[in-house]
Amino acid sequence: MRRALMDILCCPVCKGDLVLNVEEENVNEILEGELLCSLCEVRYPIHEGIPNLLPQTSRTK
């Protein structure tokens, strides 16, 4: 995921701002980490450079 996406991403559940927590990145993109909604506190993982923005209830099915 490129850092520039942070300007346009929002929480799909409540439309709140997302906070980026980076675990691993290279020169071009964030490879591992998570996005945390500052309002509803839903966490969205970033794995192999791809953010999973599905709400938690959709991920558990």
C-alpha atoms as a PDB file:
ATOM      1  CA  MET A   1       0.000   0.000   0.000  1.00  0.00           C
ATOM      2  CA  ARG A   2       1.386   3.398  -0.873  1.00  0.00           C
ATOM      3  CA  ARG A   3       1.405   6.109   1.802  1.00  0.00           C
ATOM      4  CA  ALA A   4      -0.358   8.464  -0.613  1.00  0.00           C
ATOM      5  CA  LEU A   5      -3.531   6.380  -0.199  1.00  0.00           C
ATOM      6  CA  MET A   6      -3.878   7.694   3.356  1.00  0.00           C
ATOM      7  CA  ASP A   7      -5.153  10.981   1.875  1.00  0.00           C
ATOM      8  CA  ILE A   8      -8.212   9.267   0.380  1.00  0.00           C
ATOM      9  CA  LEU A   9      -8.898   6.274   2.675  1.00  0.00           C
ATOM     10  CA  CYS A  10     -11.487   6.343   5.430  1.00  0.00           C
ATOM     11  CA  CYS A  11     -13.131   3.726   7.627  1.00  0.00           C
ATOM     12  CA  PRO A  12     -15.732   1.828   5.572  1.00  0.00           C
ATOM     13  CA  VAL A  13     -17.849   1.308   8.718  1.00  0.00           C
ATOM     14  CA  CYS A  14     -18.165   4.856  10.105  1.00  0.00           C
ATOM     15  CA  LYS A  15     -16.199   7.011   7.603  1.00  0.00           C
ATOM     16  CA  GLY A  16     -13.758   8.038  10.356  1.00  0.00           C
ATOM     17  CA  ASP A  17     -10.070   8.820   9.846  1.00  0.00           C
ATOM     18  CA  LEU A  18      -7.647   5.906   9.741  1.00  0.00           C
ATOM     19  CA  VAL A  19      -4.368   5.799  11.670  1.00  0.00           C
ATOM     20  CA  LEU A  20      -1.513   3.910  10.005  1.00  0.00           C
ATOM     21  CA  ASN A  21       0.660   1.531  12.068  1.00  0.00           C
ATOM     22  CA  VAL A  22       3.587   0.251   9.983  1.00  0.00           C
ATOM     23  CA  GLU A  23       5.384  -3.007  10.791  1.00  0.00           C
ATOM     24  CA  GLU A  24       7.362  -3.375   7.540  1.00  0.00           C
ATOM     25  CA  GLU A  25       7.882  -1.161   4.506  1.00  0.00           C
ATOM     26  CA  ASN A  26      10.248  -0.681   1.607  1.00  0.00           C
ATOM     27  CA  VAL A  27      11.072   2.398  -0.454  1.00  0.00           C
ATOM     28  CA  ASN A  28       7.814   2.258  -2.434  1.00  0.00           C
ATOM     29  CA  GLU A  29       5.119   0.891  -0.140  1.00  0.00           C
ATOM     30  CA  ILE A  30       3.949  -0.386   3.217  1.00  0.00           C
ATOM     31  CA  LEU A  31       4.142  -4.183   3.215  1.00  0.00           C
ATOM     32  CA  GLU A  32       2.823  -5.134   6.661  1.00  0.00           C
ATOM     33  CA  GLY A  33       0.876  -3.252   9.314  1.00  0.00           C
ATOM     34  CA  GLU A  34      -2.628  -2.124  10.059  1.00  0.00           C
ATOM     35  CA  LEU A  35      -5.072   0.723   9.701  1.00  0.00           C
ATOM     36  CA  LEU A  36      -6.974   1.676  12.854  1.00  0.00           C
ATOM     37  CA  CYS A  37     -10.142   3.759  12.821  1.00  0.00           C
ATOM     38  CA  SER A  38      -9.821   6.614  15.290  1.00  0.00           C
ATOM     39  CA  LEU A  39     -13.610   6.700  15.878  1.00  0.00           C
ATOM     40  CA  CYS A  40     -14.965   3.137  16.002  1.00  0.00           C
ATOM     41  CA  GLU A  41     -11.568   1.455  16.661  1.00  0.00           C
ATOM     42  CA  VAL A  42     -12.005  -1.190  13.947  1.00  0.00           C
ATOM     43  CA  ARG A  43      -8.645  -2.560  12.767  1.00  0.00           C
ATOM     44  CA  TYR A  44      -7.856  -3.344   9.142  1.00  0.00           C
ATOM     45  CA  PRO A  45      -4.744  -5.420   8.447  1.00  0.00           C
ATOM     46  CA  ILE A  46      -2.219  -4.697   5.713  1.00  0.00           C
ATOM     47  CA  HIS A  47      -0.614  -7.910   4.441  1.00  0.00           C
ATOM     48  CA  GLU A  48       1.864  -8.142   1.555  1.00  0.00           C
ATOM     49  CA  GLY A  49       1.085  -4.531   0.652  1.00  0.00           C
ATOM     50  CA  ILE A  50      -2.681  -5.022   0.428  1.00  0.00           C
ATOM     51  CA  PRO A  51      -5.035  -3.372   2.943  1.00  0.00           C
ATOM     52  CA  ASN A  52      -8.066  -5.512   3.842  1.00  0.00           C
ATOM     53  CA  LEU A  53     -10.842  -2.953   4.285  1.00  0.00           C
ATOM     54  CA  LEU A  54     -13.660  -5.450   4.741  1.00  0.00           C
ATOM     55  CA  PRO A  55     -15.550  -4.899   7.999  1.00  0.00           C
ATOM     56  CA  GLN A  56     -14.684  -7.467  10.686  1.00  0.00           C
ATOM     57  CA  THR A  57     -18.049  -9.233  10.450  1.00  0.00           C
ATOM     58  CA  SER A  58     -17.425  -9.923   6.754  1.00  0.00           C
ATOM     59  CA  ARG A  59     -13.961 -11.340   7.446  1.00  0.00           C
ATOM     60  CA  THR A  60     -15.146 -13.946   9.952  1.00  0.00           C
ATOM     61  CA  LYS A  61     -17.649 -15.626   7.612  1.00  0.00           C
END
